[in-house]
Amino acid sequence: MRGQVLVNEERCKACSLCVTACPHEVLRLSKSINSRGYHPVEVYQPEKCTGCTLCGVICPDLVLTIKREIPERK
């Protein structure tokens, strides 16, 4: 795992732009419903995340936080 996506499920309005933007199929819409009545995004395959941040850049509501592993410098 080189990246990690954290989702604020309560703020997600299920536009699925991040799902479409992810080149590694890490995200999908959840079957659960948040308090606003939407099916929020969930991290489906976390091991495939590279930390590219495409999902976070395209999210209109800043719902996603992406953490990236920083390689050690020699």
PDB file of N, CA and C in Angstrom:
ATOM      1  N   MET A   1       0.846  -1.181   0.000  1.00  0.00           N
ATOM      2  CA  MET A   1       0.000   0.000   0.000  1.00  0.00           C
ATOM      3  C   MET A   1       0.892   1.245   0.000  1.00  0.00           C
ATOM      4  N   ARG A   2       0.734   2.054  -1.016  1.00  0.00           N
ATOM      5  CA  ARG A   2       1.491   3.293  -1.106  1.00  0.00           C
ATOM      6  C   ARG A   2       0.631   4.493  -0.759  1.00  0.00           C
ATOM      7  N   GLY A   3      -0.663   4.302  -0.741  1.00  0.00           N
ATOM      8  CA  GLY A   3      -1.583   5.381  -0.426  1.00  0.00           C
ATOM      9  C   GLY A   3      -2.740   4.880   0.415  1.00  0.00           C
ATOM     10  N   GLN A   4      -3.444   5.836   1.005  1.00  0.00           N
ATOM     11  CA  GLN A   4      -4.616   5.499   1.814  1.00  0.00           C
ATOM     12  C   GLN A   4      -5.651   6.597   1.635  1.00  0.00           C
ATOM     13  N   VAL A   5      -6.888   6.205   1.370  1.00  0.00           N
ATOM     14  CA  VAL A   5      -7.968   7.163   1.200  1.00  0.00           C
ATOM     15  C   VAL A   5      -8.868   7.095   2.430  1.00  0.00           C
ATOM     16  N   LEU A   6      -9.130   8.253   3.017  1.00  0.00           N
ATOM     17  CA  LEU A   6     -10.054   8.361   4.140  1.00  0.00           C
ATOM     18  C   LEU A   6     -11.283   9.120   3.650  1.00  0.00           C
ATOM     19  N   VAL A   7     -12.469   8.608   3.965  1.00  0.00           N
ATOM     20  CA  VAL A   7     -13.716   9.184   3.465  1.00  0.00           C
ATOM     21  C   VAL A   7     -14.529   9.737   4.625  1.00  0.00           C
ATOM     22  N   ASN A   8     -14.976  10.972   4.497  1.00  0.00           N
ATOM     23  CA  ASN A   8     -15.923  11.552   5.440  1.00  0.00           C
ATOM     24  C   ASN A   8     -17.310  11.199   4.905  1.00  0.00           C
ATOM     25  N   GLU A   9     -17.832  10.069   5.339  1.00  0.00           N
ATOM     26  CA  GLU A   9     -19.067   9.525   4.777  1.00  0.00           C
ATOM     27  C   GLU A   9     -20.280  10.427   4.986  1.00  0.00           C
ATOM     28  N   GLU A  10     -20.306  11.166   6.067  1.00  0.00           N
ATOM     29  CA  GLU A  10     -21.457  12.036   6.338  1.00  0.00           C
ATOM     30  C   GLU A  10     -21.534  13.227   5.385  1.00  0.00           C
ATOM     31  N   ARG A  11     -20.413  13.663   4.843  1.00  0.00           N
ATOM     32  CA  ARG A  11     -20.405  14.797   3.928  1.00  0.00           C
ATOM     33  C   ARG A  11     -20.552  14.385   2.471  1.00  0.00           C
ATOM     34  N   CYS A  12     -20.399  13.097   2.176  1.00  0.00           N
ATOM     35  CA  CYS A  12     -20.440  12.597   0.797  1.00  0.00           C
ATOM     36  C   CYS A  12     -21.865  12.627   0.255  1.00  0.00           C
ATOM     37  N   LYS A  13     -22.014  13.166  -0.964  1.00  0.00           N
ATOM     38  CA  LYS A  13     -23.335  13.212  -1.595  1.00  0.00           C
ATOM     39  C   LYS A  13     -23.463  12.228  -2.756  1.00  0.00           C
ATOM     40  N   ALA A  14     -22.555  11.275  -2.822  1.00  0.00           N
ATOM     41  CA  ALA A  14     -22.619  10.157  -3.769  1.00  0.00           C
ATOM     42  C   ALA A  14     -22.633  10.593  -5.232  1.00  0.00           C
ATOM     43  N   CYS A  15     -21.865  11.608  -5.579  1.00  0.00           N
ATOM     44  CA  CYS A  15     -21.809  12.039  -6.974  1.00  0.00           C
ATOM     45  C   CYS A  15     -21.023  11.043  -7.826  1.00  0.00           C
ATOM     46  N   SER A  16     -20.188  10.232  -7.199  1.00  0.00           N
ATOM     47  CA  SER A  16     -19.360   9.171  -7.791  1.00  0.00           C
ATOM     48  C   SER A  16     -18.289   9.669  -8.765  1.00  0.00           C
ATOM     49  N   LEU A  17     -17.986  10.950  -8.736  1.00  0.00           N
ATOM     50  CA  LEU A  17     -16.899  11.460  -9.578  1.00  0.00           C
ATOM     51  C   LEU A  17     -15.572  10.812  -9.202  1.00  0.00           C
ATOM     52  N   CYS A  18     -15.350  10.603  -7.911  1.00  0.00           N
ATOM     53  CA  CYS A  18     -14.103   9.991  -7.451  1.00  0.00           C
ATOM     54  C   CYS A  18     -14.006   8.533  -7.890  1.00  0.00           C
ATOM     55  N   VAL A  19     -15.124   7.850  -7.915  1.00  0.00           N
ATOM     56  CA  VAL A  19     -15.144   6.450  -8.340  1.00  0.00           C
ATOM     57  C   VAL A  19     -14.706   6.359  -9.799  1.00  0.00           C
ATOM     58  N   THR A  20     -15.211   7.262 -10.616  1.00  0.00           N
ATOM     59  CA  THR A  20     -14.867   7.302 -12.037  1.00  0.00           C
ATOM     60  C   THR A  20     -13.416   7.721 -12.248  1.00  0.00           C
ATOM     61  N   ALA A  21     -12.925   8.647 -11.426  1.00  0.00           N
ATOM     62  CA  ALA A  21     -11.570   9.178 -11.588  1.00  0.00           C
ATOM     63  C   ALA A  21     -10.485   8.205 -11.157  1.00  0.00           C
ATOM     64  N   CYS A  22     -10.788   7.296 -10.263  1.00  0.00           N
ATOM     65  CA  CYS A  22      -9.763   6.394  -9.725  1.00  0.00           C
ATOM     66  C   CYS A  22      -9.317   5.382 -10.786  1.00  0.00           C
ATOM     67  N   PRO A  23      -8.037   5.420 -11.169  1.00  0.00           N
ATOM     68  CA  PRO A  23      -7.556   4.493 -12.203  1.00  0.00           C
ATOM     69  C   PRO A  23      -7.350   3.058 -11.706  1.00  0.00           C
ATOM     70  N   HIS A  24      -7.449   2.853 -10.392  1.00  0.00           N
ATOM     71  CA  HIS A  24      -7.165   1.526  -9.825  1.00  0.00           C
ATOM     72  C   HIS A  24      -8.381   0.862  -9.179  1.00  0.00           C
ATOM     73  N   GLU A  25      -9.557   1.440  -9.370  1.00  0.00           N
ATOM     74  CA  GLU A  25     -10.816   0.894  -8.847  1.00  0.00           C
ATOM     75  C   GLU A  25     -10.761   0.651  -7.347  1.00  0.00           C
ATOM     76  N   VAL A  26     -10.254   1.638  -6.618  1.00  0.00           N
ATOM     77  CA  VAL A  26     -10.137   1.552  -5.164  1.00  0.00           C
ATOM     78  C   VAL A  26     -11.470   1.875  -4.496  1.00  0.00           C
ATOM     79  N   LEU A  27     -12.266   2.746  -5.111  1.00  0.00           N
ATOM     80  CA  LEU A  27     -13.501   3.239  -4.494  1.00  0.00           C
ATOM     81  C   LEU A  27     -14.747   2.692  -5.171  1.00  0.00           C
ATOM     82  N   ARG A  28     -15.828   2.664  -4.401  1.00  0.00           N
ATOM     83  CA  ARG A  28     -17.148   2.312  -4.952  1.00  0.00           C
ATOM     84  C   ARG A  28     -18.201   2.947  -4.054  1.00  0.00           C
ATOM     85  N   LEU A  29     -19.439   2.999  -4.539  1.00  0.00           N
ATOM     86  CA  LEU A  29     -20.530   3.513  -3.715  1.00  0.00           C
ATOM     87  C   LEU A  29     -20.954   2.437  -2.731  1.00  0.00           C
ATOM     88  N   SER A  30     -21.174   2.842  -1.506  1.00  0.00           N
ATOM     89  CA  SER A  30     -21.538   1.929  -0.437  1.00  0.00           C
ATOM     90  C   SER A  30     -23.010   1.539  -0.535  1.00  0.00           C
ATOM     91  N   LYS A  31     -23.351   0.421   0.055  1.00  0.00           N
ATOM     92  CA  LYS A  31     -24.757   0.014   0.140  1.00  0.00           C
ATOM     93  C   LYS A  31     -25.450   0.674   1.325  1.00  0.00           C
ATOM     94  N   SER A  32     -24.652   1.178   2.286  1.00  0.00           N
ATOM     95  CA  SER A  32     -25.239   1.860   3.445  1.00  0.00           C
ATOM     96  C   SER A  32     -25.651   3.278   3.057  1.00  0.00           C
ATOM     97  N   ILE A  33     -26.473   3.883   3.876  1.00  0.00           N
ATOM     98  CA  ILE A  33     -26.982   5.232   3.619  1.00  0.00           C
ATOM     99  C   ILE A  33     -26.542   6.136   4.762  1.00  0.00           C
ATOM    100  N   ASN A  34     -26.026   7.331   4.413  1.00  0.00           N
ATOM    101  CA  ASN A  34     -25.618   8.272   5.457  1.00  0.00           C
ATOM    102  C   ASN A  34     -26.827   9.073   5.952  1.00  0.00           C
ATOM    103  N   SER A  35     -26.624   9.954   6.904  1.00  0.00           N
ATOM    104  CA  SER A  35     -27.726  10.703   7.515  1.00  0.00           C
ATOM    105  C   SER A  35     -28.401  11.671   6.546  1.00  0.00           C
ATOM    106  N   ARG A  36     -27.747  11.964   5.426  1.00  0.00           N
ATOM    107  CA  ARG A  36     -28.318  12.858   4.424  1.00  0.00           C
ATOM    108  C   ARG A  36     -29.098  12.094   3.356  1.00  0.00           C
ATOM    109  N   GLY A  37     -29.106  10.760   3.451  1.00  0.00           N
ATOM    110  CA  GLY A  37     -29.878   9.936   2.522  1.00  0.00           C
ATOM    111  C   GLY A  37     -29.117   9.485   1.287  1.00  0.00           C
ATOM    112  N   TYR A  38     -27.808   9.630   1.288  1.00  0.00           N
ATOM    113  CA  TYR A  38     -26.979   9.235   0.149  1.00  0.00           C
ATOM    114  C   TYR A  38     -26.224   7.946   0.446  1.00  0.00           C
ATOM    115  N   HIS A  39     -25.846   7.264  -0.623  1.00  0.00           N
ATOM    116  CA  HIS A  39     -24.956   6.106  -0.523  1.00  0.00           C
ATOM    117  C   HIS A  39     -23.540   6.649  -0.672  1.00  0.00           C
ATOM    118  N   PRO A  40     -22.811   6.831   0.418  1.00  0.00           N
ATOM    119  CA  PRO A  40     -21.480   7.448   0.325  1.00  0.00           C
ATOM    120  C   PRO A  40     -20.453   6.513  -0.317  1.00  0.00           C
ATOM    121  N   VAL A  41     -19.363   7.093  -0.711  1.00  0.00           N
ATOM    122  CA  VAL A  41     -18.252   6.331  -1.276  1.00  0.00           C
ATOM    123  C   VAL A  41     -17.585   5.535  -0.161  1.00  0.00           C
ATOM    124  N   GLU A  42     -17.107   4.348  -0.505  1.00  0.00           N
ATOM    125  CA  GLU A  42     -16.341   3.555   0.441  1.00  0.00           C
ATOM    126  C   GLU A  42     -15.065   3.069  -0.232  1.00  0.00           C
ATOM    127  N   VAL A  43     -14.063   2.804   0.570  1.00  0.00           N
ATOM    128  CA  VAL A  43     -12.804   2.273   0.067  1.00  0.00           C
ATOM    129  C   VAL A  43     -12.996   0.772  -0.079  1.00  0.00           C
ATOM    130  N   TYR A  44     -13.046   0.323  -1.325  1.00  0.00           N
ATOM    131  CA  TYR A  44     -13.372  -1.057  -1.659  1.00  0.00           C
ATOM    132  C   TYR A  44     -12.128  -1.944  -1.724  1.00  0.00           C
ATOM    133  N   GLN A  45     -11.059  -1.442  -2.334  1.00  0.00           N
ATOM    134  CA  GLN A  45      -9.828  -2.215  -2.484  1.00  0.00           C
ATOM    135  C   GLN A  45      -8.636  -1.351  -2.041  1.00  0.00           C
ATOM    136  N   PRO A  46      -8.460  -1.171  -0.728  1.00  0.00           N
ATOM    137  CA  PRO A  46      -7.425  -0.261  -0.235  1.00  0.00           C
ATOM    138  C   PRO A  46      -6.001  -0.647  -0.644  1.00  0.00           C
ATOM    139  N   GLU A  47      -5.757  -1.915  -0.852  1.00  0.00           N
ATOM    140  CA  GLU A  47      -4.415  -2.363  -1.216  1.00  0.00           C
ATOM    141  C   GLU A  47      -3.987  -1.897  -2.605  1.00  0.00           C
ATOM    142  N   LYS A  48      -4.928  -1.472  -3.430  1.00  0.00           N
ATOM    143  CA  LYS A  48      -4.610  -1.006  -4.775  1.00  0.00           C
ATOM    144  C   LYS A  48      -4.306   0.490  -4.847  1.00  0.00           C
ATOM    145  N   CYS A  49      -4.504   1.202  -3.748  1.00  0.00           N
ATOM    146  CA  CYS A  49      -4.313   2.654  -3.755  1.00  0.00           C
ATOM    147  C   CYS A  49      -2.838   3.010  -3.900  1.00  0.00           C
ATOM    148  N   THR A  50      -2.546   3.893  -4.856  1.00  0.00           N
ATOM    149  CA  THR A  50      -1.173   4.353  -5.081  1.00  0.00           C
ATOM    150  C   THR A  50      -0.940   5.746  -4.507  1.00  0.00           C
ATOM    151  N   GLY A  51      -1.996   6.389  -4.030  1.00  0.00           N
ATOM    152  CA  GLY A  51      -1.855   7.735  -3.491  1.00  0.00           C
ATOM    153  C   GLY A  51      -1.778   8.792  -4.568  1.00  0.00           C
ATOM    154  N   CYS A  52      -2.339   8.532  -5.726  1.00  0.00           N
ATOM    155  CA  CYS A  52      -2.242   9.460  -6.861  1.00  0.00           C
ATOM    156  C   CYS A  52      -3.036  10.754  -6.644  1.00  0.00           C
ATOM    157  N   THR A  53      -3.996  10.769  -5.755  1.00  0.00           N
ATOM    158  CA  THR A  53      -4.844  11.910  -5.362  1.00  0.00           C
ATOM    159  C   THR A  53      -5.868  12.342  -6.407  1.00  0.00           C
ATOM    160  N   LEU A  54      -6.046  11.597  -7.484  1.00  0.00           N
ATOM    161  CA  LEU A  54      -7.042  11.985  -8.485  1.00  0.00           C
ATOM    162  C   LEU A  54      -8.445  12.057  -7.892  1.00  0.00           C
ATOM    163  N   CYS A  55      -8.765  11.143  -7.003  1.00  0.00           N
ATOM    164  CA  CYS A  55     -10.092  11.138  -6.384  1.00  0.00           C
ATOM    165  C   CYS A  55     -10.305  12.397  -5.544  1.00  0.00           C
ATOM    166  N   GLY A  56      -9.310  12.781  -4.780  1.00  0.00           N
ATOM    167  CA  GLY A  56      -9.411  13.962  -3.931  1.00  0.00           C
ATOM    168  C   GLY A  56      -9.482  15.252  -4.707  1.00  0.00           C
ATOM    169  N   VAL A  57      -8.783  15.313  -5.819  1.00  0.00           N
ATOM    170  CA  VAL A  57      -8.776  16.519  -6.652  1.00  0.00           C
ATOM    171  C   VAL A  57     -10.140  16.746  -7.292  1.00  0.00           C
ATOM    172  N   ILE A  58     -10.802  15.688  -7.715  1.00  0.00           N
ATOM    173  CA  ILE A  58     -12.067  15.828  -8.431  1.00  0.00           C
ATOM    174  C   ILE A  58     -13.279  15.974  -7.500  1.00  0.00           C
ATOM    175  N   CYS A  59     -13.127  15.633  -6.228  1.00  0.00           N
ATOM    176  CA  CYS A  59     -14.257  15.689  -5.288  1.00  0.00           C
ATOM    177  C   CYS A  59     -14.690  17.138  -5.052  1.00  0.00           C
ATOM    178  N   PRO A  60     -15.940  17.479  -5.386  1.00  0.00           N
ATOM    179  CA  PRO A  60     -16.403  18.870  -5.236  1.00  0.00           C
ATOM    180  C   PRO A  60     -16.646  19.285  -3.786  1.00  0.00           C
ATOM    181  N   ASP A  61     -16.762  18.324  -2.882  1.00  0.00           N
ATOM    182  CA  ASP A  61     -17.090  18.632  -1.490  1.00  0.00           C
ATOM    183  C   ASP A  61     -15.944  18.367  -0.519  1.00  0.00           C
ATOM    184  N   LEU A  62     -14.762  18.080  -1.037  1.00  0.00           N
ATOM    185  CA  LEU A  62     -13.580  17.823  -0.201  1.00  0.00           C
ATOM    186  C   LEU A  62     -13.839  16.761   0.864  1.00  0.00           C
ATOM    187  N   VAL A  63     -14.454  15.688   0.429  1.00  0.00           N
ATOM    188  CA  VAL A  63     -14.837  14.589   1.307  1.00  0.00           C
ATOM    189  C   VAL A  63     -13.674  13.626   1.567  1.00  0.00           C
ATOM    190  N   LEU A  64     -12.718  13.595   0.645  1.00  0.00           N
ATOM    191  CA  LEU A  64     -11.643  12.612   0.710  1.00  0.00           C
ATOM    192  C   LEU A  64     -10.342  13.214   1.211  1.00  0.00           C
ATOM    193  N   THR A  65      -9.660  12.450   2.048  1.00  0.00           N
ATOM    194  CA  THR A  65      -8.314  12.789   2.494  1.00  0.00           C
ATOM    195  C   THR A  65      -7.411  11.656   2.022  1.00  0.00           C
ATOM    196  N   ILE A  66      -6.342  11.998   1.330  1.00  0.00           N
ATOM    197  CA  ILE A  66      -5.435  10.990   0.817  1.00  0.00           C
ATOM    198  C   ILE A  66      -4.112  11.094   1.558  1.00  0.00           C
ATOM    199  N   LYS A  67      -3.680   9.966   2.086  1.00  0.00           N
ATOM    200  CA  LYS A  67      -2.380   9.896   2.752  1.00  0.00           C
ATOM    201  C   LYS A  67      -1.458   9.091   1.853  1.00  0.00           C
ATOM    202  N   ARG A  68      -0.223   9.574   1.707  1.00  0.00           N
ATOM    203  CA  ARG A  68       0.742   8.868   0.873  1.00  0.00           C
ATOM    204  C   ARG A  68       1.956   8.475   1.684  1.00  0.00           C
ATOM    205  N   GLU A  69       2.464   7.303   1.382  1.00  0.00           N
ATOM    206  CA  GLU A  69       3.688   6.830   2.011  1.00  0.00           C
ATOM    207  C   GLU A  69       4.857   7.541   1.364  1.00  0.00           C
ATOM    208  N   ILE A  70       5.699   8.143   2.167  1.00  0.00           N
ATOM    209  CA  ILE A  70       6.854   8.869   1.646  1.00  0.00           C
ATOM    210  C   ILE A  70       8.077   7.968   1.764  1.00  0.00           C
ATOM    211  N   PRO A  71       8.725   7.689   0.630  1.00  0.00           N
ATOM    212  CA  PRO A  71       9.915   6.825   0.686  1.00  0.00           C
ATOM    213  C   PRO A  71      11.066   7.533   1.412  1.00  0.00           C
ATOM    214  N   GLU A  72      11.865   6.739   2.111  1.00  0.00           N
ATOM    215  CA  GLU A  72      13.011   7.297   2.818  1.00  0.00           C
ATOM    216  C   GLU A  72      14.076   7.741   1.837  1.00  0.00           C
ATOM    217  N   ARG A  73      14.693   8.894   2.135  1.00  0.00           N
ATOM    218  CA  ARG A  73      15.797   9.371   1.308  1.00  0.00           C
ATOM    219  C   ARG A  73      17.096   8.760   1.802  1.00  0.00           C
ATOM    220  N   LYS A  74      17.958   8.484   0.871  1.00  0.00           N
ATOM    221  CA  LYS A  74      19.245   7.889   1.234  1.00  0.00           C
ATOM    222  C   LYS A  74      20.347   8.913   1.195  1.00  0.00           C
TER     223      LYS A  74
END
